[in-house]
C-alpha atoms as a PDB file:
ATOM      1  CA  MET A   1     -76.348 260.850 -35.142  1.00  0.00           C
ATOM      2  CA  GLY A   2     -78.272 258.959 -37.881  1.00  0.00           C
ATOM      3  CA  PHE A   3     -77.505 255.535 -39.284  1.00  0.00           C
ATOM      4  CA  CYS A   4     -75.870 256.481 -42.068  1.00  0.00           C
ATOM      5  CA  GLU A   5     -73.556 258.859 -40.668  1.00  0.00           C
ATOM      6  CA  VAL A   6     -72.552 256.056 -37.899  1.00  0.00           C
ATOM      7  CA  VAL A   7     -71.384 253.815 -40.867  1.00  0.00           C
ATOM      8  CA  GLU A   8     -69.721 256.623 -43.053  1.00  0.00           C
ATOM      9  CA  GLY A   9     -67.897 257.510 -39.645  1.00  0.00           C
ATOM     10  CA  ARG A  10     -66.778 254.266 -38.471  1.00  0.00           C
ATOM     11  CA  HIS A  11     -63.320 253.594 -38.839  1.00  0.00           C
ATOM     12  CA  SER A  12     -60.998 250.763 -37.583  1.00  0.00           C
ATOM     13  CA  ILE A  13     -59.318 251.896 -34.265  1.00  0.00           C
ATOM     14  CA  ARG A  14     -55.734 250.503 -33.523  1.00  0.00           C
ATOM     15  CA  ALA A  15     -54.857 252.872 -30.487  1.00  0.00           C
ATOM     16  CA  PHE A  16     -57.082 253.620 -27.272  1.00  0.00           C
ATOM     17  CA  GLN A  17     -57.106 256.311 -24.629  1.00  0.00           C
ATOM     18  CA  GLU A  18     -56.268 255.208 -21.134  1.00  0.00           C
ATOM     19  CA  ARG A  19     -59.864 255.402 -20.102  1.00  0.00           C
ATOM     20  CA  ASP A  20     -62.396 252.662 -19.021  1.00  0.00           C
ATOM     21  CA  VAL A  21     -65.536 252.031 -21.142  1.00  0.00           C
ATOM     22  CA  GLU A  22     -68.829 253.059 -19.158  1.00  0.00           C
ATOM     23  CA  ASP A  23     -71.134 250.215 -17.893  1.00  0.00           C
ATOM     24  CA  ALA A  24     -74.259 251.995 -19.557  1.00  0.00           C
ATOM     25  CA  SER A  25     -72.085 252.441 -22.756  1.00  0.00           C
ATOM     26  CA  LEU A  26     -71.240 248.595 -22.785  1.00  0.00           C
ATOM     27  CA  GLU A  27     -74.382 247.328 -21.704  1.00  0.00           C
ATOM     28  CA  ALA A  28     -75.864 249.350 -24.862  1.00  0.00           C
ATOM     29  CA  ILE A  29     -73.486 247.607 -27.079  1.00  0.00           C
ATOM     30  CA  LEU A  30     -74.510 244.270 -25.764  1.00  0.00           C
ATOM     31  CA  ARG A  31     -78.182 244.968 -26.397  1.00  0.00           C
ATOM     32  CA  ALA A  32     -77.462 246.360 -30.101  1.00  0.00           C
ATOM     33  CA  ALA A  33     -75.615 242.725 -30.422  1.00  0.00           C
ATOM     34  CA  ARG A  34     -78.629 240.888 -28.921  1.00  0.00           C
ATOM     35  CA  ARG A  35     -81.096 242.746 -31.468  1.00  0.00           C
ATOM     36  CA  ALA A  36     -79.324 241.148 -34.265  1.00  0.00           C
ATOM     37  CA  PRO A  37     -81.224 238.856 -36.521  1.00  0.00           C
ATOM     38  CA  SER A  38     -79.999 235.308 -36.147  1.00  0.00           C
ATOM     39  CA  ALA A  39     -81.261 231.880 -37.888  1.00  0.00           C
ATOM     40  CA  GLY A  40     -84.428 230.723 -36.540  1.00  0.00           C
ATOM     41  CA  ASN A  41     -84.100 233.385 -33.970  1.00  0.00           C
ATOM     42  CA  LEU A  42     -81.795 230.824 -31.893  1.00  0.00           C
ATOM     43  CA  GLN A  43     -79.238 233.208 -31.023  1.00  0.00           C
ATOM     44  CA  ALA A  44     -76.515 230.638 -31.441  1.00  0.00           C
ATOM     45  CA  TYR A  45     -73.754 232.474 -30.071  1.00  0.00           C
ATOM     46  CA  ARG A  46     -72.486 233.909 -26.900  1.00  0.00           C
ATOM     47  CA  VAL A  47     -70.420 237.223 -25.919  1.00  0.00           C
ATOM     48  CA  ALA A  48     -67.291 237.178 -23.589  1.00  0.00           C
ATOM     49  CA  VAL A  49     -66.610 240.266 -22.126  1.00  0.00           C
ATOM     50  CA  ALA A  50     -62.915 240.678 -21.381  1.00  0.00           C
ATOM     51  CA  ARG A  51     -61.684 243.292 -18.927  1.00  0.00           C
ATOM     52  CA  ALA A  52     -58.966 241.827 -17.000  1.00  0.00           C
ATOM     53  CA  SER A  53     -55.606 243.190 -18.237  1.00  0.00           C
ATOM     54  CA  SER A  54     -53.898 239.546 -17.985  1.00  0.00           C
ATOM     55  CA  VAL A  55     -56.904 237.946 -20.167  1.00  0.00           C
ATOM     56  CA  ARG A  56     -56.824 240.953 -22.856  1.00  0.00           C
ATOM     57  CA  ARG A  57     -52.874 240.323 -23.058  1.00  0.00           C
ATOM     58  CA  LEU A  58     -53.771 236.240 -23.817  1.00  0.00           C
ATOM     59  CA  LEU A  59     -56.534 237.434 -26.534  1.00  0.00           C
ATOM     60  CA  ALA A  60     -53.624 240.020 -27.972  1.00  0.00           C
ATOM     61  CA  GLN A  61     -51.144 237.016 -28.283  1.00  0.00           C
ATOM     62  CA  ALA A  62     -53.468 234.679 -29.713  1.00  0.00           C
ATOM     63  CA  ALA A  63     -54.263 237.459 -32.330  1.00  0.00           C
ATOM     64  CA  LEU A  64     -50.917 236.864 -33.608  1.00  0.00           C
ATOM     65  CA  ASP A  65     -49.333 239.712 -31.146  1.00  0.00           C
ATOM     66  CA  GLN A  66     -51.321 242.538 -32.070  1.00  0.00           C
ATOM     67  CA  GLY A  67     -50.751 244.208 -29.271  1.00  0.00           C
ATOM     68  CA  PHE A  68     -53.397 246.803 -29.137  1.00  0.00           C
ATOM     69  CA  VAL A  69     -55.896 244.298 -28.469  1.00  0.00           C
ATOM     70  CA  ALA A  70     -54.438 244.303 -25.012  1.00  0.00           C
ATOM     71  CA  GLN A  71     -54.423 248.065 -24.916  1.00  0.00           C
ATOM     72  CA  ALA A  72     -58.202 248.315 -25.133  1.00  0.00           C
ATOM     73  CA  PRO A  73     -60.095 248.406 -22.102  1.00  0.00           C
ATOM     74  CA  VAL A  74     -62.630 246.042 -23.216  1.00  0.00           C
ATOM     75  CA  VAL A  75     -62.315 243.220 -25.681  1.00  0.00           C
ATOM     76  CA  LEU A  76     -65.696 241.560 -27.025  1.00  0.00           C
ATOM     77  CA  VAL A  77     -65.160 238.094 -28.094  1.00  0.00           C
ATOM     78  CA  PHE A  78     -68.055 236.464 -30.247  1.00  0.00           C
ATOM     79  CA  LEU A  79     -68.554 232.869 -30.078  1.00  0.00           C
ATOM     80  CA  ALA A  80     -70.626 230.819 -32.266  1.00  0.00           C
ATOM     81  CA  ASP A  81     -72.690 228.060 -30.557  1.00  0.00           C
ATOM     82  CA  ALA A  82     -72.581 225.511 -33.059  1.00  0.00           C
ATOM     83  CA  ALA A  83     -74.287 223.052 -31.009  1.00  0.00           C
ATOM     84  CA  ALA A  84     -77.383 225.202 -30.382  1.00  0.00           C
ATOM     85  CA  SER A  85     -77.862 225.670 -34.272  1.00  0.00           C
ATOM     86  CA  ALA A  86     -77.386 221.965 -35.109  1.00  0.00           C
ATOM     87  CA  VAL A  87     -80.389 221.143 -32.691  1.00  0.00           C
ATOM     88  CA  LYS A  88     -82.667 222.879 -35.332  1.00  0.00           C
ATOM     89  CA  TYR A  89     -80.662 223.025 -38.347  1.00  0.00           C
ATOM     90  CA  GLY A  90     -78.244 220.115 -38.456  1.00  0.00           C
ATOM     91  CA  ARG A  91     -74.964 220.289 -40.035  1.00  0.00           C
ATOM     92  CA  ARG A  92     -75.472 223.489 -41.896  1.00  0.00           C
ATOM     93  CA  GLY A  93     -76.531 225.159 -38.642  1.00  0.00           C
ATOM     94  CA  GLU A  94     -73.648 223.829 -37.099  1.00  0.00           C
ATOM     95  CA  THR A  95     -71.030 224.743 -39.731  1.00  0.00           C
ATOM     96  CA  LEU A  96     -72.670 228.036 -41.099  1.00  0.00           C
ATOM     97  CA  TYR A  97     -75.722 229.581 -39.121  1.00  0.00           C
ATOM     98  CA  ALA A  98     -74.081 229.789 -35.914  1.00  0.00           C
ATOM     99  CA  THR A  99     -71.095 231.594 -37.557  1.00  0.00           C
ATOM    100  CA  GLN A 100     -73.108 233.961 -39.371  1.00  0.00           C
ATOM    101  CA  ASP A 101     -75.231 234.445 -36.143  1.00  0.00           C
ATOM    102  CA  ALA A 102     -72.232 235.622 -34.190  1.00  0.00           C
ATOM    103  CA  THR A 103     -70.871 237.719 -36.961  1.00  0.00           C
ATOM    104  CA  ILE A 104     -74.068 239.928 -37.224  1.00  0.00           C
ATOM    105  CA  ALA A 105     -74.157 240.321 -33.782  1.00  0.00           C
ATOM    106  CA  CYS A 106     -70.526 241.644 -33.742  1.00  0.00           C
ATOM    107  CA  ALA A 107     -71.415 243.920 -36.705  1.00  0.00           C
ATOM    108  CA  TYR A 108     -74.181 245.331 -34.708  1.00  0.00           C
ATOM    109  CA  ALA A 109     -72.088 245.654 -31.763  1.00  0.00           C
ATOM    110  CA  GLN A 110     -69.423 247.526 -33.855  1.00  0.00           C
ATOM    111  CA  LEU A 111     -72.025 250.214 -35.263  1.00  0.00           C
ATOM    112  CA  ALA A 112     -73.465 250.568 -31.735  1.00  0.00           C
ATOM    113  CA  ALA A 113     -69.835 250.996 -30.647  1.00  0.00           C
ATOM    114  CA  ALA A 114     -69.269 253.751 -33.083  1.00  0.00           C
ATOM    115  CA  ASN A 115     -72.685 255.519 -32.076  1.00  0.00           C
ATOM    116  CA  ALA A 116     -71.163 255.686 -28.625  1.00  0.00           C
ATOM    117  CA  GLY A 117     -68.268 257.646 -29.535  1.00  0.00           C
ATOM    118  CA  LEU A 118     -66.022 254.494 -28.973  1.00  0.00           C
ATOM    119  CA  GLY A 119     -63.656 253.043 -31.431  1.00  0.00           C
ATOM    120  CA  SER A 120     -63.065 249.145 -32.214  1.00  0.00           C
ATOM    121  CA  CYS A 121     -61.438 247.175 -34.653  1.00  0.00           C
ATOM    122  CA  TRP A 122     -62.799 243.960 -35.935  1.00  0.00           C
ATOM    123  CA  ILE A 123     -60.095 240.788 -35.417  1.00  0.00           C
ATOM    124  CA  GLY A 124     -60.406 237.920 -37.627  1.00  0.00           C
ATOM    125  CA  ALA A 125     -56.659 236.429 -37.113  1.00  0.00           C
ATOM    126  CA  PHE A 126     -56.260 234.496 -34.089  1.00  0.00           C
ATOM    127  CA  HIS A 127     -55.729 231.348 -33.174  1.00  0.00           C
ATOM    128  CA  GLU A 128     -58.875 229.350 -31.931  1.00  0.00           C
ATOM    129  CA  ASP A 129     -57.587 227.472 -29.255  1.00  0.00           C
ATOM    130  CA  LYS A 130     -55.643 230.046 -27.787  1.00  0.00           C
ATOM    131  CA  VAL A 131     -58.787 232.398 -27.476  1.00  0.00           C
ATOM    132  CA  ARG A 132     -60.771 229.384 -25.904  1.00  0.00           C
ATOM    133  CA  ALA A 133     -57.848 229.143 -23.471  1.00  0.00           C
ATOM    134  CA  ALA A 134     -57.855 232.715 -22.463  1.00  0.00           C
ATOM    135  CA  LEU A 135     -61.483 232.770 -22.015  1.00  0.00           C
ATOM    136  CA  GLY A 136     -61.368 229.214 -20.488  1.00  0.00           C
ATOM    137  CA  VAL A 137     -64.593 228.146 -22.739  1.00  0.00           C
ATOM    138  CA  GLU A 138     -64.437 224.840 -24.599  1.00  0.00           C
ATOM    139  CA  GLU A 139     -65.979 223.321 -27.662  1.00  0.00           C
ATOM    140  CA  PRO A 140     -68.416 223.909 -29.044  1.00  0.00           C
ATOM    141  CA  LEU A 141     -68.050 227.658 -28.406  1.00  0.00           C
ATOM    142  CA  ARG A 142     -65.919 228.575 -31.386  1.00  0.00           C
ATOM    143  CA  PRO A 143     -64.419 231.795 -31.505  1.00  0.00           C
ATOM    144  CA  VAL A 144     -65.523 234.055 -34.789  1.00  0.00           C
ATOM    145  CA  ALA A 145     -64.049 237.550 -34.048  1.00  0.00           C
ATOM    146  CA  LEU A 146     -62.732 239.874 -31.492  1.00  0.00           C
ATOM    147  CA  LEU A 147     -63.764 243.317 -31.084  1.00  0.00           C
ATOM    148  CA  PRO A 148     -61.649 245.705 -28.799  1.00  0.00           C
ATOM    149  CA  LEU A 149     -63.173 248.546 -27.441  1.00  0.00           C
ATOM    150  CA  GLY A 150     -62.231 252.140 -26.025  1.00  0.00           C
ATOM    151  CA  TYR A 151     -62.097 255.804 -26.660  1.00  0.00           C
ATOM    152  CA  PRO A 152     -59.906 256.494 -29.858  1.00  0.00           C
ATOM    153  CA  ALA A 153     -56.445 257.670 -29.424  1.00  0.00           C
ATOM    154  CA  GLU A 154     -56.185 258.201 -33.130  1.00  0.00           C
ATOM    155  CA  VAL A 155     -57.864 259.441 -35.860  1.00  0.00           C
ATOM    156  CA  PRO A 156     -57.290 257.056 -38.868  1.00  0.00           C
ATOM    157  CA  ARG A 157     -57.415 258.338 -42.463  1.00  0.00           C
ATOM    158  CA  MET A 158     -60.723 257.521 -44.586  1.00  0.00           C
ATOM    159  CA  THR A 159     -59.902 254.214 -46.587  1.00  0.00           C
ATOM    160  CA  PRO A 160     -60.690 253.859 -50.245  1.00  0.00           C
ATOM    161  CA  ARG A 161     -63.676 251.602 -51.130  1.00  0.00           C
ATOM    162  CA  ARG A 162     -64.715 250.176 -54.265  1.00  0.00           C
ATOM    163  CA  SER A 163     -66.948 251.725 -56.359  1.00  0.00           C
ATOM    164  CA  LEU A 164     -70.880 250.596 -56.372  1.00  0.00           C
ATOM    165  CA  ALA A 165     -70.331 249.561 -60.089  1.00  0.00           C
ATOM    166  CA  GLU A 166     -67.767 247.113 -59.253  1.00  0.00           C
ATOM    167  CA  MET A 167     -69.371 245.819 -56.385  1.00  0.00           C
ATOM    168  CA  VAL A 168     -72.794 245.285 -57.501  1.00  0.00           C
ATOM    169  CA  LEU A 169     -74.344 243.036 -59.506  1.00  0.00           C
ATOM    170  CA  ASP A 170     -77.478 244.489 -60.735  1.00  0.00           C
ATOM    171  CA  ILE A 171     -79.973 241.757 -62.070  1.00  0.00           C
ATOM    172  CA  ARG A 172     -83.063 243.096 -64.071  1.00  0.00           C
ATOM    173  CA  GLU A 173     -83.977 241.002 -66.742  1.00  0.00           C
ATOM    174  CA  ASP A 174     -85.559 237.607 -66.358  1.00  0.00           C
ATOM    175  CA  ALA A 175     -83.718 234.871 -68.310  1.00  0.00           C
END
């Protein structure tokens, strides 16, 4: 499948088959995340791979009781490492760049999952402290996104998108 086909075909999946994600597929997804660009190539993020059902249940609770998070056989949690980015970039690295690094890595993982025939759903609504507790991690690691992964048990409908005319600011003339 070509890149544009992967992008066009990706949907948020909130129902998963009771089927494990193969280690090779998971490794390919993590390798794609690792290739994501990052500020100063610091790669100021970590990825927690939650496979244990008890941890997935805690993550679902932390994600405002979104039960489908626990249903997925794997949940990737992208954690910004603010301290790692602050070493080179100070406050801006701590407050922005590490978060951007983690989100870009998550986007790469999501597209790699779609390419592998897996479904996912970006989760940004959660209690950070509960996610940290579920994973057993502490600050300065900051949860940025949860990405439940698995084989889809649904075929969602296409969702509408704004037109390019509404979204793009095309600036061609010098002032």
